[in-house]
Amino acid sequence: MKVVQYFKDSFVEFKDHVTWPSFSDLQRDTIIVAIATVLLAIFLYFVDTIFTHMLNTIYGAF
């Protein structure tokens, strides 16, 4: 059965041929992603606030 062989080959590939990052690399990369996510959220909040203020000003003129 090809499906069973596929999963067996996949397991061997992951076990023997993949170079997994170290735990310290994973921690560092996770911290970088978390900081980037927070900074992007703050940036988008300010952009949204500015656009909301601009649109309220424009619509308030009519």
PDB file of N, CA and C in Angstrom:
ATOM      1  N   MET A   1       0.850  -1.179   0.000  1.00  0.00           N
ATOM      2  CA  MET A   1       0.000   0.000   0.000  1.00  0.00           C
ATOM      3  C   MET A   1       0.890   1.234   0.000  1.00  0.00           C
ATOM      4  N   LYS A   2       0.633   2.107  -0.925  1.00  0.00           N
ATOM      5  CA  LYS A   2       1.474   3.275  -1.096  1.00  0.00           C
ATOM      6  C   LYS A   2       1.330   4.263   0.059  1.00  0.00           C
ATOM      7  N   VAL A   3       0.148   4.345   0.620  1.00  0.00           N
ATOM      8  CA  VAL A   3      -0.070   5.310   1.697  1.00  0.00           C
ATOM      9  C   VAL A   3       0.742   4.923   2.928  1.00  0.00           C
ATOM     10  N   VAL A   4       0.743   3.655   3.269  1.00  0.00           N
ATOM     11  CA  VAL A   4       1.491   3.180   4.426  1.00  0.00           C
ATOM     12  C   VAL A   4       2.988   3.409   4.206  1.00  0.00           C
ATOM     13  N   GLN A   5       3.474   3.114   3.018  1.00  0.00           N
ATOM     14  CA  GLN A   5       4.888   3.313   2.706  1.00  0.00           C
ATOM     15  C   GLN A   5       5.252   4.790   2.765  1.00  0.00           C
ATOM     16  N   TYR A   6       4.328   5.647   2.319  1.00  0.00           N
ATOM     17  CA  TYR A   6       4.555   7.092   2.379  1.00  0.00           C
ATOM     18  C   TYR A   6       4.785   7.539   3.823  1.00  0.00           C
ATOM     19  N   PHE A   7       3.929   7.077   4.734  1.00  0.00           N
ATOM     20  CA  PHE A   7       4.074   7.466   6.139  1.00  0.00           C
ATOM     21  C   PHE A   7       5.345   6.878   6.753  1.00  0.00           C
ATOM     22  N   LYS A   8       5.703   5.684   6.388  1.00  0.00           N
ATOM     23  CA  LYS A   8       6.954   5.102   6.884  1.00  0.00           C
ATOM     24  C   LYS A   8       8.154   5.913   6.401  1.00  0.00           C
ATOM     25  N   ASP A   9       8.159   6.250   5.118  1.00  0.00           N
ATOM     26  CA  ASP A   9       9.254   7.045   4.564  1.00  0.00           C
ATOM     27  C   ASP A   9       9.299   8.442   5.190  1.00  0.00           C
ATOM     28  N   SER A  10       8.138   9.017   5.432  1.00  0.00           N
ATOM     29  CA  SER A  10       8.084  10.341   6.059  1.00  0.00           C
ATOM     30  C   SER A  10       8.674  10.300   7.457  1.00  0.00           C
ATOM     31  N   PHE A  11       8.345   9.261   8.204  1.00  0.00           N
ATOM     32  CA  PHE A  11       8.878   9.125   9.560  1.00  0.00           C
ATOM     33  C   PHE A  11      10.404   9.012   9.533  1.00  0.00           C
ATOM     34  N   VAL A  12      10.924   8.199   8.636  1.00  0.00           N
ATOM     35  CA  VAL A  12      12.378   8.034   8.532  1.00  0.00           C
ATOM     36  C   VAL A  12      13.021   9.360   8.136  1.00  0.00           C
ATOM     37  N   GLU A  13      12.393  10.086   7.226  1.00  0.00           N
ATOM     38  CA  GLU A  13      12.927  11.379   6.782  1.00  0.00           C
ATOM     39  C   GLU A  13      13.005  12.356   7.956  1.00  0.00           C
ATOM     40  N   PHE A  14      11.926  12.455   8.713  1.00  0.00           N
ATOM     41  CA  PHE A  14      11.918  13.358   9.869  1.00  0.00           C
ATOM     42  C   PHE A  14      12.914  12.929  10.935  1.00  0.00           C
ATOM     43  N   LYS A  15      13.045  11.639  11.148  1.00  0.00           N
ATOM     44  CA  LYS A  15      13.916  11.129  12.209  1.00  0.00           C
ATOM     45  C   LYS A  15      15.396  11.236  11.856  1.00  0.00           C
ATOM     46  N   ASP A  16      15.746  10.918  10.619  1.00  0.00           N
ATOM     47  CA  ASP A  16      17.151  10.786  10.270  1.00  0.00           C
ATOM     48  C   ASP A  16      17.730  11.928   9.436  1.00  0.00           C
ATOM     49  N   HIS A  17      16.922  12.627   8.677  1.00  0.00           N
ATOM     50  CA  HIS A  17      17.468  13.574   7.711  1.00  0.00           C
ATOM     51  C   HIS A  17      17.158  15.034   7.997  1.00  0.00           C
ATOM     52  N   VAL A  18      16.278  15.304   8.915  1.00  0.00           N
ATOM     53  CA  VAL A  18      15.917  16.688   9.227  1.00  0.00           C
ATOM     54  C   VAL A  18      16.829  17.194  10.337  1.00  0.00           C
ATOM     55  N   THR A  19      17.343  18.400  10.177  1.00  0.00           N
ATOM     56  CA  THR A  19      18.145  19.031  11.219  1.00  0.00           C
ATOM     57  C   THR A  19      17.219  19.916  12.050  1.00  0.00           C
ATOM     58  N   TRP A  20      16.962  19.504  13.262  1.00  0.00           N
ATOM     59  CA  TRP A  20      16.045  20.237  14.121  1.00  0.00           C
ATOM     60  C   TRP A  20      16.804  21.337  14.866  1.00  0.00           C
ATOM     61  N   PRO A  21      16.168  22.506  15.064  1.00  0.00           N
ATOM     62  CA  PRO A  21      16.847  23.586  15.800  1.00  0.00           C
ATOM     63  C   PRO A  21      16.984  23.232  17.276  1.00  0.00           C
ATOM     64  N   SER A  22      17.965  23.859  17.902  1.00  0.00           N
ATOM     65  CA  SER A  22      18.152  23.620  19.334  1.00  0.00           C
ATOM     66  C   SER A  22      17.084  24.368  20.128  1.00  0.00           C
ATOM     67  N   PHE A  23      16.941  23.993  21.384  1.00  0.00           N
ATOM     68  CA  PHE A  23      15.923  24.616  22.226  1.00  0.00           C
ATOM     69  C   PHE A  23      16.190  26.108  22.404  1.00  0.00           C
ATOM     70  N   SER A  24      17.450  26.494  22.527  1.00  0.00           N
ATOM     71  CA  SER A  24      17.771  27.910  22.687  1.00  0.00           C
ATOM     72  C   SER A  24      17.432  28.694  21.411  1.00  0.00           C
ATOM     73  N   ASP A  25      17.646  28.088  20.250  1.00  0.00           N
ATOM     74  CA  ASP A  25      17.247  28.736  18.996  1.00  0.00           C
ATOM     75  C   ASP A  25      15.737  28.925  18.938  1.00  0.00           C
ATOM     76  N   LEU A  26      15.001  27.918  19.361  1.00  0.00           N
ATOM     77  CA  LEU A  26      13.539  28.017  19.372  1.00  0.00           C
ATOM     78  C   LEU A  26      13.068  29.119  20.316  1.00  0.00           C
ATOM     79  N   GLN A  27      13.685  29.200  21.490  1.00  0.00           N
ATOM     80  CA  GLN A  27      13.315  30.254  22.443  1.00  0.00           C
ATOM     81  C   GLN A  27      13.592  31.631  21.865  1.00  0.00           C
ATOM     82  N   ARG A  28      14.762  31.821  21.279  1.00  0.00           N
ATOM     83  CA  ARG A  28      15.136  33.111  20.701  1.00  0.00           C
ATOM     84  C   ARG A  28      14.171  33.507  19.583  1.00  0.00           C
ATOM     85  N   ASP A  29      13.886  32.568  18.690  1.00  0.00           N
ATOM     86  CA  ASP A  29      12.998  32.860  17.574  1.00  0.00           C
ATOM     87  C   ASP A  29      11.572  33.143  18.046  1.00  0.00           C
ATOM     88  N   THR A  30      11.131  32.451  19.080  1.00  0.00           N
ATOM     89  CA  THR A  30       9.797  32.689  19.629  1.00  0.00           C
ATOM     90  C   THR A  30       9.703  34.083  20.229  1.00  0.00           C
ATOM     91  N   ILE A  31      10.732  34.505  20.936  1.00  0.00           N
ATOM     92  CA  ILE A  31      10.740  35.851  21.518  1.00  0.00           C
ATOM     93  C   ILE A  31      10.731  36.908  20.419  1.00  0.00           C
ATOM     94  N   ILE A  32      11.498  36.685  19.365  1.00  0.00           N
ATOM     95  CA  ILE A  32      11.537  37.642  18.247  1.00  0.00           C
ATOM     96  C   ILE A  32      10.155  37.757  17.606  1.00  0.00           C
ATOM     97  N   VAL A  33       9.501  36.636  17.368  1.00  0.00           N
ATOM     98  CA  VAL A  33       8.171  36.646  16.759  1.00  0.00           C
ATOM     99  C   VAL A  33       7.166  37.331  17.679  1.00  0.00           C
ATOM    100  N   ALA A  34       7.233  37.068  18.970  1.00  0.00           N
ATOM    101  CA  ALA A  34       6.306  37.689  19.911  1.00  0.00           C
ATOM    102  C   ALA A  34       6.488  39.205  19.942  1.00  0.00           C
ATOM    103  N   ILE A  35       7.724  39.668  19.973  1.00  0.00           N
ATOM    104  CA  ILE A  35       7.991  41.113  19.986  1.00  0.00           C
ATOM    105  C   ILE A  35       7.520  41.751  18.682  1.00  0.00           C
ATOM    106  N   ALA A  36       7.811  41.115  17.559  1.00  0.00           N
ATOM    107  CA  ALA A  36       7.379  41.649  16.261  1.00  0.00           C
ATOM    108  C   ALA A  36       5.858  41.714  16.180  1.00  0.00           C
ATOM    109  N   THR A  37       5.182  40.726  16.734  1.00  0.00           N
ATOM    110  CA  THR A  37       3.722  40.707  16.718  1.00  0.00           C
ATOM    111  C   THR A  37       3.156  41.848  17.545  1.00  0.00           C
ATOM    112  N   VAL A  38       3.714  42.090  18.718  1.00  0.00           N
ATOM    113  CA  VAL A  38       3.250  43.183  19.567  1.00  0.00           C
ATOM    114  C   VAL A  38       3.507  44.534  18.893  1.00  0.00           C
ATOM    115  N   LEU A  39       4.686  44.703  18.316  1.00  0.00           N
ATOM    116  CA  LEU A  39       4.996  45.964  17.633  1.00  0.00           C
ATOM    117  C   LEU A  39       4.069  46.203  16.443  1.00  0.00           C
ATOM    118  N   LEU A  40       3.788  45.166  15.683  1.00  0.00           N
ATOM    119  CA  LEU A  40       2.868  45.298  14.557  1.00  0.00           C
ATOM    120  C   LEU A  40       1.458  45.639  15.039  1.00  0.00           C
ATOM    121  N   ALA A  41       1.022  45.031  16.118  1.00  0.00           N
ATOM    122  CA  ALA A  41      -0.304  45.324  16.665  1.00  0.00           C
ATOM    123  C   ALA A  41      -0.386  46.779  17.119  1.00  0.00           C
ATOM    124  N   ILE A  42       0.649  47.270  17.772  1.00  0.00           N
ATOM    125  CA  ILE A  42       0.662  48.671  18.210  1.00  0.00           C
ATOM    126  C   ILE A  42       0.644  49.605  17.005  1.00  0.00           C
ATOM    127  N   PHE A  43       1.452  49.315  15.994  1.00  0.00           N
ATOM    128  CA  PHE A  43       1.475  50.125  14.784  1.00  0.00           C
ATOM    129  C   PHE A  43       0.105  50.162  14.117  1.00  0.00           C
ATOM    130  N   LEU A  44      -0.521  49.003  13.961  1.00  0.00           N
ATOM    131  CA  LEU A  44      -1.838  48.950  13.325  1.00  0.00           C
ATOM    132  C   LEU A  44      -2.897  49.670  14.153  1.00  0.00           C
ATOM    133  N   TYR A  45      -2.789  49.629  15.460  1.00  0.00           N
ATOM    134  CA  TYR A  45      -3.716  50.362  16.316  1.00  0.00           C
ATOM    135  C   TYR A  45      -3.617  51.861  16.035  1.00  0.00           C
ATOM    136  N   PHE A  46      -2.389  52.382  15.957  1.00  0.00           N
ATOM    137  CA  PHE A  46      -2.221  53.813  15.709  1.00  0.00           C
ATOM    138  C   PHE A  46      -2.684  54.202  14.301  1.00  0.00           C
ATOM    139  N   VAL A  47      -2.395  53.387  13.314  1.00  0.00           N
ATOM    140  CA  VAL A  47      -2.867  53.673  11.960  1.00  0.00           C
ATOM    141  C   VAL A  47      -4.384  53.676  11.925  1.00  0.00           C
ATOM    142  N   ASP A  48      -5.010  52.708  12.567  1.00  0.00           N
ATOM    143  CA  ASP A  48      -6.471  52.641  12.617  1.00  0.00           C
ATOM    144  C   ASP A  48      -7.049  53.854  13.330  1.00  0.00           C
ATOM    145  N   THR A  49      -6.424  54.274  14.415  1.00  0.00           N
ATOM    146  CA  THR A  49      -6.894  55.443  15.159  1.00  0.00           C
ATOM    147  C   THR A  49      -6.795  56.705  14.310  1.00  0.00           C
ATOM    148  N   ILE A  50      -5.704  56.847  13.587  1.00  0.00           N
ATOM    149  CA  ILE A  50      -5.518  58.022  12.728  1.00  0.00           C
ATOM    150  C   ILE A  50      -6.563  58.032  11.614  1.00  0.00           C
ATOM    151  N   PHE A  51      -6.773  56.904  10.950  1.00  0.00           N
ATOM    152  CA  PHE A  51      -7.777  56.849   9.887  1.00  0.00           C
ATOM    153  C   PHE A  51      -9.179  57.096  10.429  1.00  0.00           C
ATOM    154  N   THR A  52      -9.477  56.572  11.595  1.00  0.00           N
ATOM    155  CA  THR A  52     -10.790  56.817  12.197  1.00  0.00           C
ATOM    156  C   THR A  52     -10.990  58.300  12.457  1.00  0.00           C
ATOM    157  N   HIS A  53      -9.978  58.941  13.004  1.00  0.00           N
ATOM    158  CA  HIS A  53     -10.060  60.379  13.267  1.00  0.00           C
ATOM    159  C   HIS A  53     -10.223  61.157  11.960  1.00  0.00           C
ATOM    160  N   MET A  54      -9.467  60.792  10.936  1.00  0.00           N
ATOM    161  CA  MET A  54      -9.570  61.482   9.647  1.00  0.00           C
ATOM    162  C   MET A  54     -10.959  61.315   9.036  1.00  0.00           C
ATOM    163  N   LEU A  55     -11.487  60.112   9.045  1.00  0.00           N
ATOM    164  CA  LEU A  55     -12.804  59.877   8.473  1.00  0.00           C
ATOM    165  C   LEU A  55     -13.896  60.581   9.264  1.00  0.00           C
ATOM    166  N   ASN A  56     -13.778  60.601  10.583  1.00  0.00           N
ATOM    167  CA  ASN A  56     -14.774  61.316  11.386  1.00  0.00           C
ATOM    168  C   ASN A  56     -14.722  62.805  11.084  1.00  0.00           C
ATOM    169  N   THR A  57     -13.535  63.338  10.853  1.00  0.00           N
ATOM    170  CA  THR A  57     -13.396  64.748  10.492  1.00  0.00           C
ATOM    171  C   THR A  57     -14.025  65.031   9.132  1.00  0.00           C
ATOM    172  N   ILE A  58     -13.754  64.156   8.173  1.00  0.00           N
ATOM    173  CA  ILE A  58     -14.326  64.338   6.825  1.00  0.00           C
ATOM    174  C   ILE A  58     -15.843  64.211   6.850  1.00  0.00           C
ATOM    175  N   TYR A  59     -16.355  63.157   7.495  1.00  0.00           N
ATOM    176  CA  TYR A  59     -17.802  62.956   7.532  1.00  0.00           C
ATOM    177  C   TYR A  59     -18.499  63.994   8.391  1.00  0.00           C
ATOM    178  N   GLY A  60     -17.792  64.535   9.368  1.00  0.00           N
ATOM    179  CA  GLY A  60     -18.382  65.570  10.221  1.00  0.00           C
ATOM    180  C   GLY A  60     -18.564  66.886   9.504  1.00  0.00           C
ATOM    181  N   ALA A  61     -17.857  67.059   8.399  1.00  0.00           N
ATOM    182  CA  ALA A  61     -17.974  68.316   7.630  1.00  0.00           C
ATOM    183  C   ALA A  61     -19.265  68.363   6.823  1.00  0.00           C
ATOM    184  N   PHE A  62     -19.922  67.240   6.645  1.00  0.00           N
ATOM    185  CA  PHE A  62     -21.146  67.225   5.830  1.00  0.00           C
ATOM    186  C   PHE A  62     -22.357  67.283   6.693  1.00  0.00           C
TER     187      PHE A  62
END
